[in-house]
Amino acid sequence: MSQHFSLYNDLTVIQNLRFYGTAYGLKNDDLEAQIQRSLR
């Protein structure tokens, strides 16, 4: 996590998480489960 946060301002919260999750190689149910975990 850099000091500039590296987030995409024009995306929603869930779109940012989905983008980063996909970039980390997460897919399908695992991706959705980890997004819910991060949100919680």
PDB file of all heavy atoms in Angstrom:
ATOM      1  N   MET A   1       0.866  -1.182   0.000  1.00  0.00           N
ATOM      2  CA  MET A   1       0.000   0.000   0.000  1.00  0.00           C
ATOM      3  C   MET A   1       0.897   1.224   0.000  1.00  0.00           C
ATOM      4  O   MET A   1       1.606   1.494   0.970  1.00  0.00           O
ATOM      5  CB  MET A   1      -0.891  -0.022   1.250  1.00  0.00           C
ATOM      6  CG  MET A   1      -1.858   1.134   1.338  1.00  0.00           C
ATOM      7  SD  MET A   1      -2.957   0.875   2.769  1.00  0.00           S
ATOM      8  CE  MET A   1      -3.517   2.563   3.040  1.00  0.00           C
ATOM      9  N   SER A   2       0.890   1.943  -1.123  1.00  0.00           N
ATOM     10  CA  SER A   2       1.759   3.119  -1.231  1.00  0.00           C
ATOM     11  C   SER A   2       1.093   4.315  -0.572  1.00  0.00           C
ATOM     12  O   SER A   2      -0.105   4.303  -0.285  1.00  0.00           O
ATOM     13  CB  SER A   2       2.041   3.433  -2.705  1.00  0.00           C
ATOM     14  OG  SER A   2       0.910   4.047  -3.289  1.00  0.00           O
ATOM     15  N   GLN A   3       1.886   5.370  -0.364  1.00  0.00           N
ATOM     16  CA  GLN A   3       1.353   6.540   0.331  1.00  0.00           C
ATOM     17  C   GLN A   3       0.313   7.281  -0.508  1.00  0.00           C
ATOM     18  O   GLN A   3      -0.431   8.109  -0.005  1.00  0.00           O
ATOM     19  CB  GLN A   3       2.484   7.478   0.735  1.00  0.00           C
ATOM     20  CG  GLN A   3       3.412   7.877  -0.387  1.00  0.00           C
ATOM     21  CD  GLN A   3       4.685   8.535   0.126  1.00  0.00           C
ATOM     22  OE1 GLN A   3       4.625   9.449   0.919  1.00  0.00           O
ATOM     23  NE2 GLN A   3       5.828   8.074  -0.322  1.00  0.00           N
ATOM     24  N   HIS A   4       0.227   6.968  -1.808  1.00  0.00           N
ATOM     25  CA  HIS A   4      -0.759   7.633  -2.666  1.00  0.00           C
ATOM     26  C   HIS A   4      -1.999   6.765  -2.879  1.00  0.00           C
ATOM     27  O   HIS A   4      -2.890   7.125  -3.641  1.00  0.00           O
ATOM     28  CB  HIS A   4      -0.117   7.997  -4.007  1.00  0.00           C
ATOM     29  CG  HIS A   4       1.102   8.854  -3.836  1.00  0.00           C
ATOM     30  ND1 HIS A   4       1.062  10.101  -3.235  1.00  0.00           N
ATOM     31  CD2 HIS A   4       2.407   8.635  -4.149  1.00  0.00           C
ATOM     32  CE1 HIS A   4       2.280  10.619  -3.207  1.00  0.00           C
ATOM     33  NE2 HIS A   4       3.109   9.744  -3.745  1.00  0.00           N
ATOM     34  N   PHE A   5      -2.040   5.604  -2.231  1.00  0.00           N
ATOM     35  CA  PHE A   5      -3.196   4.699  -2.202  1.00  0.00           C
ATOM     36  C   PHE A   5      -3.472   3.984  -3.528  1.00  0.00           C
ATOM     37  O   PHE A   5      -4.124   2.958  -3.524  1.00  0.00           O
ATOM     38  CB  PHE A   5      -4.483   5.411  -1.750  1.00  0.00           C
ATOM     39  CG  PHE A   5      -4.470   5.930  -0.341  1.00  0.00           C
ATOM     40  CD1 PHE A   5      -5.485   6.743   0.110  1.00  0.00           C
ATOM     41  CD2 PHE A   5      -3.444   5.613   0.543  1.00  0.00           C
ATOM     42  CE1 PHE A   5      -5.490   7.241   1.420  1.00  0.00           C
ATOM     43  CE2 PHE A   5      -3.444   6.096   1.841  1.00  0.00           C
ATOM     44  CZ  PHE A   5      -4.460   6.905   2.270  1.00  0.00           C
ATOM     45  N   SER A   6      -3.032   4.500  -4.694  1.00  0.00           N
ATOM     46  CA  SER A   6      -3.162   3.804  -5.989  1.00  0.00           C
ATOM     47  C   SER A   6      -4.573   3.278  -6.266  1.00  0.00           C
ATOM     48  O   SER A   6      -4.735   2.142  -6.677  1.00  0.00           O
ATOM     49  CB  SER A   6      -2.179   2.628  -6.046  1.00  0.00           C
ATOM     50  OG  SER A   6      -0.880   3.076  -5.843  1.00  0.00           O
ATOM     51  N   LEU A   7      -5.567   4.108  -6.017  1.00  0.00           N
ATOM     52  CA  LEU A   7      -6.951   3.715  -6.303  1.00  0.00           C
ATOM     53  C   LEU A   7      -7.438   4.429  -7.567  1.00  0.00           C
ATOM     54  O   LEU A   7      -6.908   5.479  -7.942  1.00  0.00           O
ATOM     55  CB  LEU A   7      -7.865   4.097  -5.128  1.00  0.00           C
ATOM     56  CG  LEU A   7      -7.573   3.402  -3.803  1.00  0.00           C
ATOM     57  CD1 LEU A   7      -8.372   4.062  -2.689  1.00  0.00           C
ATOM     58  CD2 LEU A   7      -7.883   1.916  -3.878  1.00  0.00           C
ATOM     59  N   TYR A   8      -8.449   3.859  -8.196  1.00  0.00           N
ATOM     60  CA  TYR A   8      -9.042   4.482  -9.379  1.00  0.00           C
ATOM     61  C   TYR A   8     -10.272   5.279  -8.951  1.00  0.00           C
ATOM     62  O   TYR A   8     -11.293   4.718  -8.562  1.00  0.00           O
ATOM     63  CB  TYR A   8      -9.396   3.407 -10.414  1.00  0.00           C
ATOM     64  CG  TYR A   8      -8.173   2.777 -11.016  1.00  0.00           C
ATOM     65  CD1 TYR A   8      -7.640   1.599 -10.470  1.00  0.00           C
ATOM     66  CD2 TYR A   8      -7.513   3.374 -12.087  1.00  0.00           C
ATOM     67  CE1 TYR A   8      -6.485   1.036 -11.004  1.00  0.00           C
ATOM     68  CE2 TYR A   8      -6.362   2.815 -12.627  1.00  0.00           C
ATOM     69  CZ  TYR A   8      -5.853   1.642 -12.081  1.00  0.00           C
ATOM     70  OH  TYR A   8      -4.703   1.093 -12.604  1.00  0.00           O
ATOM     71  N   ASN A   9     -10.152   6.604  -9.049  1.00  0.00           N
ATOM     72  CA  ASN A   9     -11.195   7.492  -8.533  1.00  0.00           C
ATOM     73  C   ASN A   9     -12.529   7.356  -9.264  1.00  0.00           C
ATOM     74  O   ASN A   9     -13.591   7.605  -8.691  1.00  0.00           O
ATOM     75  CB  ASN A   9     -10.738   8.949  -8.608  1.00  0.00           C
ATOM     76  CG  ASN A   9      -9.779   9.288  -7.484  1.00  0.00           C
ATOM     77  OD1 ASN A   9      -9.892   8.750  -6.395  1.00  0.00           O
ATOM     78  ND2 ASN A   9      -8.826  10.160  -7.752  1.00  0.00           N
ATOM     79  N   ASP A  10     -12.475   6.994 -10.560  1.00  0.00           N
ATOM     80  CA  ASP A  10     -13.710   6.931 -11.321  1.00  0.00           C
ATOM     81  C   ASP A  10     -14.423   5.587 -11.179  1.00  0.00           C
ATOM     82  O   ASP A  10     -15.492   5.378 -11.752  1.00  0.00           O
ATOM     83  CB  ASP A  10     -13.446   7.234 -12.803  1.00  0.00           C
ATOM     84  CG  ASP A  10     -12.346   6.368 -13.388  1.00  0.00           C
ATOM     85  OD1 ASP A  10     -11.588   5.771 -12.595  1.00  0.00           O
ATOM     86  OD2 ASP A  10     -12.233   6.288 -14.624  1.00  0.00           O
ATOM     87  N   LEU A  11     -13.827   4.668 -10.404  1.00  0.00           N
ATOM     88  CA  LEU A  11     -14.478   3.383 -10.133  1.00  0.00           C
ATOM     89  C   LEU A  11     -15.159   3.429  -8.765  1.00  0.00           C
ATOM     90  O   LEU A  11     -14.776   4.202  -7.889  1.00  0.00           O
ATOM     91  CB  LEU A  11     -13.460   2.248 -10.137  1.00  0.00           C
ATOM     92  CG  LEU A  11     -12.708   1.973 -11.448  1.00  0.00           C
ATOM     93  CD1 LEU A  11     -11.781   0.767 -11.271  1.00  0.00           C
ATOM     94  CD2 LEU A  11     -13.666   1.736 -12.609  1.00  0.00           C
ATOM     95  N   THR A  12     -16.158   2.585  -8.579  1.00  0.00           N
ATOM     96  CA  THR A  12     -16.782   2.456  -7.264  1.00  0.00           C
ATOM     97  C   THR A  12     -15.883   1.612  -6.360  1.00  0.00           C
ATOM     98  O   THR A  12     -14.888   1.028  -6.809  1.00  0.00           O
ATOM     99  CB  THR A  12     -18.153   1.771  -7.364  1.00  0.00           C
ATOM    100  OG1 THR A  12     -17.951   0.435  -7.837  1.00  0.00           O
ATOM    101  CG2 THR A  12     -19.082   2.528  -8.290  1.00  0.00           C
ATOM    102  N   VAL A  13     -16.262   1.545  -5.088  1.00  0.00           N
ATOM    103  CA  VAL A  13     -15.515   0.724  -4.114  1.00  0.00           C
ATOM    104  C   VAL A  13     -15.405  -0.711  -4.609  1.00  0.00           C
ATOM    105  O   VAL A  13     -14.315  -1.291  -4.675  1.00  0.00           O
ATOM    106  CB  VAL A  13     -16.213   0.780  -2.737  1.00  0.00           C
ATOM    107  CG1 VAL A  13     -15.691  -0.327  -1.811  1.00  0.00           C
ATOM    108  CG2 VAL A  13     -16.011   2.150  -2.094  1.00  0.00           C
ATOM    109  N   ILE A  14     -16.525  -1.307  -4.988  1.00  0.00           N
ATOM    110  CA  ILE A  14     -16.508  -2.726  -5.371  1.00  0.00           C
ATOM    111  C   ILE A  14     -15.777  -2.930  -6.691  1.00  0.00           C
ATOM    112  O   ILE A  14     -15.091  -3.940  -6.879  1.00  0.00           O
ATOM    113  CB  ILE A  14     -17.928  -3.329  -5.413  1.00  0.00           C
ATOM    114  CG1 ILE A  14     -17.866  -4.864  -5.430  1.00  0.00           C
ATOM    115  CG2 ILE A  14     -18.726  -2.830  -6.599  1.00  0.00           C
ATOM    116  CD1 ILE A  14     -18.734  -5.514  -4.412  1.00  0.00           C
ATOM    117  N   GLN A  15     -15.851  -1.944  -7.589  1.00  0.00           N
ATOM    118  CA  GLN A  15     -15.116  -2.067  -8.855  1.00  0.00           C
ATOM    119  C   GLN A  15     -13.607  -2.018  -8.623  1.00  0.00           C
ATOM    120  O   GLN A  15     -12.847  -2.752  -9.264  1.00  0.00           O
ATOM    121  CB  GLN A  15     -15.547  -0.954  -9.817  1.00  0.00           C
ATOM    122  CG  GLN A  15     -16.926  -1.171 -10.426  1.00  0.00           C
ATOM    123  CD  GLN A  15     -17.431   0.051 -11.176  1.00  0.00           C
ATOM    124  OE1 GLN A  15     -17.000   1.182 -10.930  1.00  0.00           O
ATOM    125  NE2 GLN A  15     -18.370  -0.171 -12.091  1.00  0.00           N
ATOM    126  N   ASN A  16     -13.169  -1.160  -7.702  1.00  0.00           N
ATOM    127  CA  ASN A  16     -11.746  -1.125  -7.360  1.00  0.00           C
ATOM    128  C   ASN A  16     -11.297  -2.481  -6.811  1.00  0.00           C
ATOM    129  O   ASN A  16     -10.255  -3.012  -7.212  1.00  0.00           O
ATOM    130  CB  ASN A  16     -11.466  -0.022  -6.326  1.00  0.00           C
ATOM    131  CG  ASN A  16     -10.884   1.232  -6.944  1.00  0.00           C
ATOM    132  OD1 ASN A  16      -9.796   1.216  -7.513  1.00  0.00           O
ATOM    133  ND2 ASN A  16     -11.621   2.331  -6.834  1.00  0.00           N
ATOM    134  N   LEU A  17     -12.073  -3.020  -5.884  1.00  0.00           N
ATOM    135  CA  LEU A  17     -11.708  -4.309  -5.284  1.00  0.00           C
ATOM    136  C   LEU A  17     -11.720  -5.423  -6.332  1.00  0.00           C
ATOM    137  O   LEU A  17     -10.826  -6.282  -6.341  1.00  0.00           O
ATOM    138  CB  LEU A  17     -12.652  -4.644  -4.129  1.00  0.00           C
ATOM    139  CG  LEU A  17     -12.522  -3.753  -2.886  1.00  0.00           C
ATOM    140  CD1 LEU A  17     -13.601  -4.095  -1.870  1.00  0.00           C
ATOM    141  CD2 LEU A  17     -11.133  -3.886  -2.249  1.00  0.00           C
ATOM    142  N   ARG A  18     -12.709  -5.384  -7.229  1.00  0.00           N
ATOM    143  CA  ARG A  18     -12.767  -6.425  -8.262  1.00  0.00           C
ATOM    144  C   ARG A  18     -11.569  -6.315  -9.210  1.00  0.00           C
ATOM    145  O   ARG A  18     -10.965  -7.314  -9.605  1.00  0.00           O
ATOM    146  CB  ARG A  18     -14.088  -6.306  -9.026  1.00  0.00           C
ATOM    147  CG  ARG A  18     -14.406  -7.537  -9.860  1.00  0.00           C
ATOM    148  CD  ARG A  18     -15.882  -7.606 -10.202  1.00  0.00           C
ATOM    149  NE  ARG A  18     -16.677  -8.103  -9.083  1.00  0.00           N
ATOM    150  CZ  ARG A  18     -17.801  -7.558  -8.658  1.00  0.00           C
ATOM    151  NH1 ARG A  18     -18.277  -6.477  -9.230  1.00  0.00           N
ATOM    152  NH2 ARG A  18     -18.450  -8.086  -7.646  1.00  0.00           N
ATOM    153  N   PHE A  19     -11.185  -5.079  -9.539  1.00  0.00           N
ATOM    154  CA  PHE A  19     -10.026  -4.863 -10.414  1.00  0.00           C
ATOM    155  C   PHE A  19      -8.756  -5.422  -9.775  1.00  0.00           C
ATOM    156  O   PHE A  19      -7.997  -6.171 -10.401  1.00  0.00           O
ATOM    157  CB  PHE A  19      -9.848  -3.367 -10.707  1.00  0.00           C
ATOM    158  CG  PHE A  19      -8.569  -3.048 -11.436  1.00  0.00           C
ATOM    159  CD1 PHE A  19      -8.468  -3.209 -12.809  1.00  0.00           C
ATOM    160  CD2 PHE A  19      -7.438  -2.625 -10.731  1.00  0.00           C
ATOM    161  CE1 PHE A  19      -7.280  -2.934 -13.472  1.00  0.00           C
ATOM    162  CE2 PHE A  19      -6.249  -2.350 -11.391  1.00  0.00           C
ATOM    163  CZ  PHE A  19      -6.170  -2.506 -12.762  1.00  0.00           C
ATOM    164  N   TYR A  20      -8.509  -5.051  -8.499  1.00  0.00           N
ATOM    165  CA  TYR A  20      -7.282  -5.508  -7.831  1.00  0.00           C
ATOM    166  C   TYR A  20      -7.305  -7.011  -7.586  1.00  0.00           C
ATOM    167  O   TYR A  20      -6.287  -7.691  -7.726  1.00  0.00           O
ATOM    168  CB  TYR A  20      -7.063  -4.728  -6.525  1.00  0.00           C
ATOM    169  CG  TYR A  20      -6.421  -3.394  -6.776  1.00  0.00           C
ATOM    170  CD1 TYR A  20      -7.170  -2.217  -6.743  1.00  0.00           C
ATOM    171  CD2 TYR A  20      -5.069  -3.293  -7.087  1.00  0.00           C
ATOM    172  CE1 TYR A  20      -6.589  -0.992  -7.002  1.00  0.00           C
ATOM    173  CE2 TYR A  20      -4.479  -2.069  -7.341  1.00  0.00           C
ATOM    174  CZ  TYR A  20      -5.239  -0.916  -7.309  1.00  0.00           C
ATOM    175  OH  TYR A  20      -4.659   0.300  -7.581  1.00  0.00           O
ATOM    176  N   GLY A  21      -8.462  -7.538  -7.225  1.00  0.00           N
ATOM    177  CA  GLY A  21      -8.568  -8.982  -7.009  1.00  0.00           C
ATOM    178  C   GLY A  21      -8.229  -9.760  -8.261  1.00  0.00           C
ATOM    179  O   GLY A  21      -7.504 -10.764  -8.224  1.00  0.00           O
ATOM    180  N   THR A  22      -8.748  -9.290  -9.407  1.00  0.00           N
ATOM    181  CA  THR A  22      -8.454  -9.947 -10.685  1.00  0.00           C
ATOM    182  C   THR A  22      -6.971  -9.832 -11.016  1.00  0.00           C
ATOM    183  O   THR A  22      -6.340 -10.786 -11.489  1.00  0.00           O
ATOM    184  CB  THR A  22      -9.304  -9.315 -11.809  1.00  0.00           C
ATOM    185  OG1 THR A  22     -10.683  -9.406 -11.444  1.00  0.00           O
ATOM    186  CG2 THR A  22      -9.086 -10.031 -13.134  1.00  0.00           C
ATOM    187  N   ALA A  23      -6.379  -8.646 -10.742  1.00  0.00           N
ATOM    188  CA  ALA A  23      -4.943  -8.449 -10.997  1.00  0.00           C
ATOM    189  C   ALA A  23      -4.108  -9.405 -10.145  1.00  0.00           C
ATOM    190  O   ALA A  23      -3.027  -9.845 -10.577  1.00  0.00           O
ATOM    191  CB  ALA A  23      -4.561  -7.002 -10.694  1.00  0.00           C
ATOM    192  N   TYR A  24      -4.585  -9.748  -8.944  1.00  0.00           N
ATOM    193  CA  TYR A  24      -3.874 -10.696  -8.079  1.00  0.00           C
ATOM    194  C   TYR A  24      -4.132 -12.144  -8.485  1.00  0.00           C
ATOM    195  O   TYR A  24      -3.606 -13.066  -7.864  1.00  0.00           O
ATOM    196  CB  TYR A  24      -4.308 -10.514  -6.622  1.00  0.00           C
ATOM    197  CG  TYR A  24      -3.761  -9.284  -5.945  1.00  0.00           C
ATOM    198  CD1 TYR A  24      -4.614  -8.418  -5.249  1.00  0.00           C
ATOM    199  CD2 TYR A  24      -2.400  -8.990  -5.965  1.00  0.00           C
ATOM    200  CE1 TYR A  24      -4.123  -7.284  -4.617  1.00  0.00           C
ATOM    201  CE2 TYR A  24      -1.908  -7.851  -5.346  1.00  0.00           C
ATOM    202  CZ  TYR A  24      -2.771  -7.003  -4.671  1.00  0.00           C
ATOM    203  OH  TYR A  24      -2.278  -5.899  -4.047  1.00  0.00           O
ATOM    204  N   GLY A  25      -4.980 -12.350  -9.503  1.00  0.00           N
ATOM    205  CA  GLY A  25      -5.216 -13.708  -9.991  1.00  0.00           C
ATOM    206  C   GLY A  25      -6.380 -14.424  -9.335  1.00  0.00           C
ATOM    207  O   GLY A  25      -6.561 -15.623  -9.528  1.00  0.00           O
ATOM    208  N   LEU A  26      -7.171 -13.684  -8.546  1.00  0.00           N
ATOM    209  CA  LEU A  26      -8.349 -14.309  -7.923  1.00  0.00           C
ATOM    210  C   LEU A  26      -9.468 -14.440  -8.952  1.00  0.00           C
ATOM    211  O   LEU A  26      -9.631 -13.574  -9.810  1.00  0.00           O
ATOM    212  CB  LEU A  26      -8.829 -13.466  -6.735  1.00  0.00           C
ATOM    213  CG  LEU A  26      -7.820 -13.235  -5.603  1.00  0.00           C
ATOM    214  CD1 LEU A  26      -8.411 -12.294  -4.564  1.00  0.00           C
ATOM    215  CD2 LEU A  26      -7.409 -14.544  -4.956  1.00  0.00           C
ATOM    216  N   LYS A  27     -10.254 -15.512  -8.833  1.00  0.00           N
ATOM    217  CA  LYS A  27     -11.317 -15.756  -9.815  1.00  0.00           C
ATOM    218  C   LYS A  27     -12.592 -16.249  -9.133  1.00  0.00           C
ATOM    219  O   LYS A  27     -12.548 -16.852  -8.072  1.00  0.00           O
ATOM    220  CB  LYS A  27     -10.875 -16.820 -10.833  1.00  0.00           C
ATOM    221  CG  LYS A  27      -9.703 -16.408 -11.700  1.00  0.00           C
ATOM    222  CD  LYS A  27      -9.278 -17.550 -12.606  1.00  0.00           C
ATOM    223  CE  LYS A  27      -8.012 -17.163 -13.385  1.00  0.00           C
ATOM    224  NZ  LYS A  27      -7.492 -18.314 -14.144  1.00  0.00           N
ATOM    225  N   ASN A  28     -13.692 -15.972  -9.810  1.00  0.00           N
ATOM    226  CA  ASN A  28     -14.999 -16.561  -9.490  1.00  0.00           C
ATOM    227  C   ASN A  28     -15.352 -16.489  -8.009  1.00  0.00           C
ATOM    228  O   ASN A  28     -15.321 -15.428  -7.395  1.00  0.00           O
ATOM    229  CB  ASN A  28     -15.045 -18.010 -10.009  1.00  0.00           C
ATOM    230  CG  ASN A  28     -14.700 -18.076 -11.500  1.00  0.00           C
ATOM    231  OD1 ASN A  28     -15.024 -17.149 -12.229  1.00  0.00           O
ATOM    232  ND2 ASN A  28     -14.045 -19.137 -11.921  1.00  0.00           N
ATOM    233  N   ASP A  29     -15.670 -17.640  -7.405  1.00  0.00           N
ATOM    234  CA  ASP A  29     -16.141 -17.660  -6.014  1.00  0.00           C
ATOM    235  C   ASP A  29     -15.081 -17.158  -5.044  1.00  0.00           C
ATOM    236  O   ASP A  29     -15.399 -16.478  -4.060  1.00  0.00           O
ATOM    237  CB  ASP A  29     -16.572 -19.080  -5.612  1.00  0.00           C
ATOM    238  CG  ASP A  29     -17.854 -19.510  -6.312  1.00  0.00           C
ATOM    239  OD1 ASP A  29     -18.496 -18.637  -6.946  1.00  0.00           O
ATOM    240  OD2 ASP A  29     -18.207 -20.695  -6.232  1.00  0.00           O
ATOM    241  N   ASP A  30     -13.821 -17.506  -5.318  1.00  0.00           N
ATOM    242  CA  ASP A  30     -12.726 -17.069  -4.434  1.00  0.00           C
ATOM    243  C   ASP A  30     -12.615 -15.546  -4.463  1.00  0.00           C
ATOM    244  O   ASP A  30     -12.453 -14.894  -3.423  1.00  0.00           O
ATOM    245  CB  ASP A  30     -11.413 -17.715  -4.864  1.00  0.00           C
ATOM    246  CG  ASP A  30     -10.296 -17.484  -3.843  1.00  0.00           C
ATOM    247  OD1 ASP A  30     -10.613 -17.326  -2.636  1.00  0.00           O
ATOM    248  OD2 ASP A  30      -9.116 -17.447  -4.232  1.00  0.00           O
ATOM    249  N   LEU A  31     -12.711 -14.965  -5.660  1.00  0.00           N
ATOM    250  CA  LEU A  31     -12.654 -13.508  -5.805  1.00  0.00           C
ATOM    251  C   LEU A  31     -13.784 -12.856  -5.009  1.00  0.00           C
ATOM    252  O   LEU A  31     -13.535 -11.930  -4.217  1.00  0.00           O
ATOM    253  CB  LEU A  31     -12.748 -13.127  -7.285  1.00  0.00           C
ATOM    254  CG  LEU A  31     -12.884 -11.625  -7.588  1.00  0.00           C
ATOM    255  CD1 LEU A  31     -11.683 -10.856  -7.075  1.00  0.00           C
ATOM    256  CD2 LEU A  31     -13.060 -11.401  -9.091  1.00  0.00           C
ATOM    257  N   GLU A  32     -14.995 -13.345  -5.185  1.00  0.00           N
ATOM    258  CA  GLU A  32     -16.132 -12.738  -4.489  1.00  0.00           C
ATOM    259  C   GLU A  32     -16.026 -12.910  -2.977  1.00  0.00           C
ATOM    260  O   GLU A  32     -16.353 -11.993  -2.216  1.00  0.00           O
ATOM    261  CB  GLU A  32     -17.453 -13.333  -5.003  1.00  0.00           C
ATOM    262  CG  GLU A  32     -17.765 -12.978  -6.461  1.00  0.00           C
ATOM    263  CD  GLU A  32     -17.679 -11.480  -6.740  1.00  0.00           C
ATOM    264  OE1 GLU A  32     -18.239 -10.692  -5.948  1.00  0.00           O
ATOM    265  OE2 GLU A  32     -17.034 -11.091  -7.730  1.00  0.00           O
ATOM    266  N   ALA A  33     -15.543 -14.064  -2.544  1.00  0.00           N
ATOM    267  CA  ALA A  33     -15.396 -14.316  -1.096  1.00  0.00           C
ATOM    268  C   ALA A  33     -14.376 -13.360  -0.490  1.00  0.00           C
ATOM    269  O   ALA A  33     -14.582 -12.818   0.603  1.00  0.00           O
ATOM    270  CB  ALA A  33     -14.981 -15.765  -0.850  1.00  0.00           C
ATOM    271  N   GLN A  34     -13.260 -13.132  -1.201  1.00  0.00           N
ATOM    272  CA  GLN A  34     -12.223 -12.246  -0.672  1.00  0.00           C
ATOM    273  C   GLN A  34     -12.653 -10.783  -0.707  1.00  0.00           C
ATOM    274  O   GLN A  34     -12.287  -9.999   0.173  1.00  0.00           O
ATOM    275  CB  GLN A  34     -10.905 -12.441  -1.441  1.00  0.00           C
ATOM    276  CG  GLN A  34     -10.243 -13.789  -1.200  1.00  0.00           C
ATOM    277  CD  GLN A  34     -10.179 -14.138   0.282  1.00  0.00           C
ATOM    278  OE1 GLN A  34      -9.775 -13.337   1.110  1.00  0.00           O
ATOM    279  NE2 GLN A  34     -10.621 -15.351   0.622  1.00  0.00           N
ATOM    280  N   ILE A  35     -13.449 -10.414  -1.714  1.00  0.00           N
ATOM    281  CA  ILE A  35     -13.989  -9.050  -1.749  1.00  0.00           C
ATOM    282  C   ILE A  35     -14.890  -8.827  -0.538  1.00  0.00           C
ATOM    283  O   ILE A  35     -14.786  -7.800   0.148  1.00  0.00           O
ATOM    284  CB  ILE A  35     -14.752  -8.799  -3.071  1.00  0.00           C
ATOM    285  CG1 ILE A  35     -13.759  -8.642  -4.230  1.00  0.00           C
ATOM    286  CG2 ILE A  35     -15.645  -7.557  -2.957  1.00  0.00           C
ATOM    287  CD1 ILE A  35     -14.411  -8.556  -5.603  1.00  0.00           C
ATOM    288  N   GLN A  36     -15.748  -9.800  -0.234  1.00  0.00           N
ATOM    289  CA  GLN A  36     -16.639  -9.666   0.932  1.00  0.00           C
ATOM    290  C   GLN A  36     -15.831  -9.601   2.230  1.00  0.00           C
ATOM    291  O   GLN A  36     -16.164  -8.827   3.133  1.00  0.00           O
ATOM    292  CB  GLN A  36     -17.643 -10.830   0.976  1.00  0.00           C
ATOM    293  CG  GLN A  36     -18.673 -10.799  -0.150  1.00  0.00           C
ATOM    294  CD  GLN A  36     -19.389  -9.457  -0.277  1.00  0.00           C
ATOM    295  OE1 GLN A  36     -19.840  -8.875   0.713  1.00  0.00           O
ATOM    296  NE2 GLN A  36     -19.465  -8.938  -1.502  1.00  0.00           N
ATOM    297  N   ARG A  37     -14.773 -10.403   2.302  1.00  0.00           N
ATOM    298  CA  ARG A  37     -13.905 -10.384   3.498  1.00  0.00           C
ATOM    299  C   ARG A  37     -13.255  -9.006   3.664  1.00  0.00           C
ATOM    300  O   ARG A  37     -13.220  -8.443   4.769  1.00  0.00           O
ATOM    301  CB  ARG A  37     -12.825 -11.461   3.358  1.00  0.00           C
ATOM    302  CG  ARG A  37     -11.724 -11.413   4.414  1.00  0.00           C
ATOM    303  CD  ARG A  37     -10.713 -12.532   4.192  1.00  0.00           C
ATOM    304  NE  ARG A  37      -9.531 -12.372   5.028  1.00  0.00           N
ATOM    305  CZ  ARG A  37      -8.420 -11.721   4.629  1.00  0.00           C
ATOM    306  NH1 ARG A  37      -8.360 -11.181   3.424  1.00  0.00           N
ATOM    307  NH2 ARG A  37      -7.386 -11.621   5.434  1.00  0.00           N
ATOM    308  N   SER A  38     -12.735  -8.434   2.562  1.00  0.00           N
ATOM    309  CA  SER A  38     -12.094  -7.115   2.619  1.00  0.00           C
ATOM    310  C   SER A  38     -13.095  -6.032   2.995  1.00  0.00           C
ATOM    311  O   SER A  38     -12.789  -5.135   3.791  1.00  0.00           O
ATOM    312  CB  SER A  38     -11.437  -6.779   1.277  1.00  0.00           C
ATOM    313  OG  SER A  38     -10.202  -7.449   1.142  1.00  0.00           O
ATOM    314  N   LEU A  39     -14.305  -6.112   2.427  1.00  0.00           N
ATOM    315  CA  LEU A  39     -15.340  -5.130   2.764  1.00  0.00           C
ATOM    316  C   LEU A  39     -15.678  -5.180   4.250  1.00  0.00           C
ATOM    317  O   LEU A  39     -15.811  -4.142   4.912  1.00  0.00           O
ATOM    318  CB  LEU A  39     -16.606  -5.397   1.939  1.00  0.00           C
ATOM    319  CG  LEU A  39     -16.549  -5.034   0.448  1.00  0.00           C
ATOM    320  CD1 LEU A  39     -17.747  -5.614  -0.287  1.00  0.00           C
ATOM    321  CD2 LEU A  39     -16.493  -3.509   0.260  1.00  0.00           C
ATOM    322  N   ARG A  40     -15.800  -6.415   4.783  1.00  0.00           N
ATOM    323  CA  ARG A  40     -16.114  -6.598   6.215  1.00  0.00           C
ATOM    324  C   ARG A  40     -14.998  -6.039   7.077  1.00  0.00           C
ATOM    325  O   ARG A  40     -15.227  -5.284   8.011  1.00  0.00           O
ATOM    326  CB  ARG A  40     -16.306  -8.084   6.524  1.00  0.00           C
ATOM    327  CG  ARG A  40     -17.744  -8.559   6.490  1.00  0.00           C
ATOM    328  CD  ARG A  40     -17.925  -9.912   7.184  1.00  0.00           C
ATOM    329  NE  ARG A  40     -16.890 -10.876   6.859  1.00  0.00           N
ATOM    330  CZ  ARG A  40     -16.893 -11.645   5.773  1.00  0.00           C
ATOM    331  NH1 ARG A  40     -17.862 -11.549   4.873  1.00  0.00           N
ATOM    332  NH2 ARG A  40     -15.928 -12.522   5.570  1.00  0.00           N
TER     333      ARG A  40
END
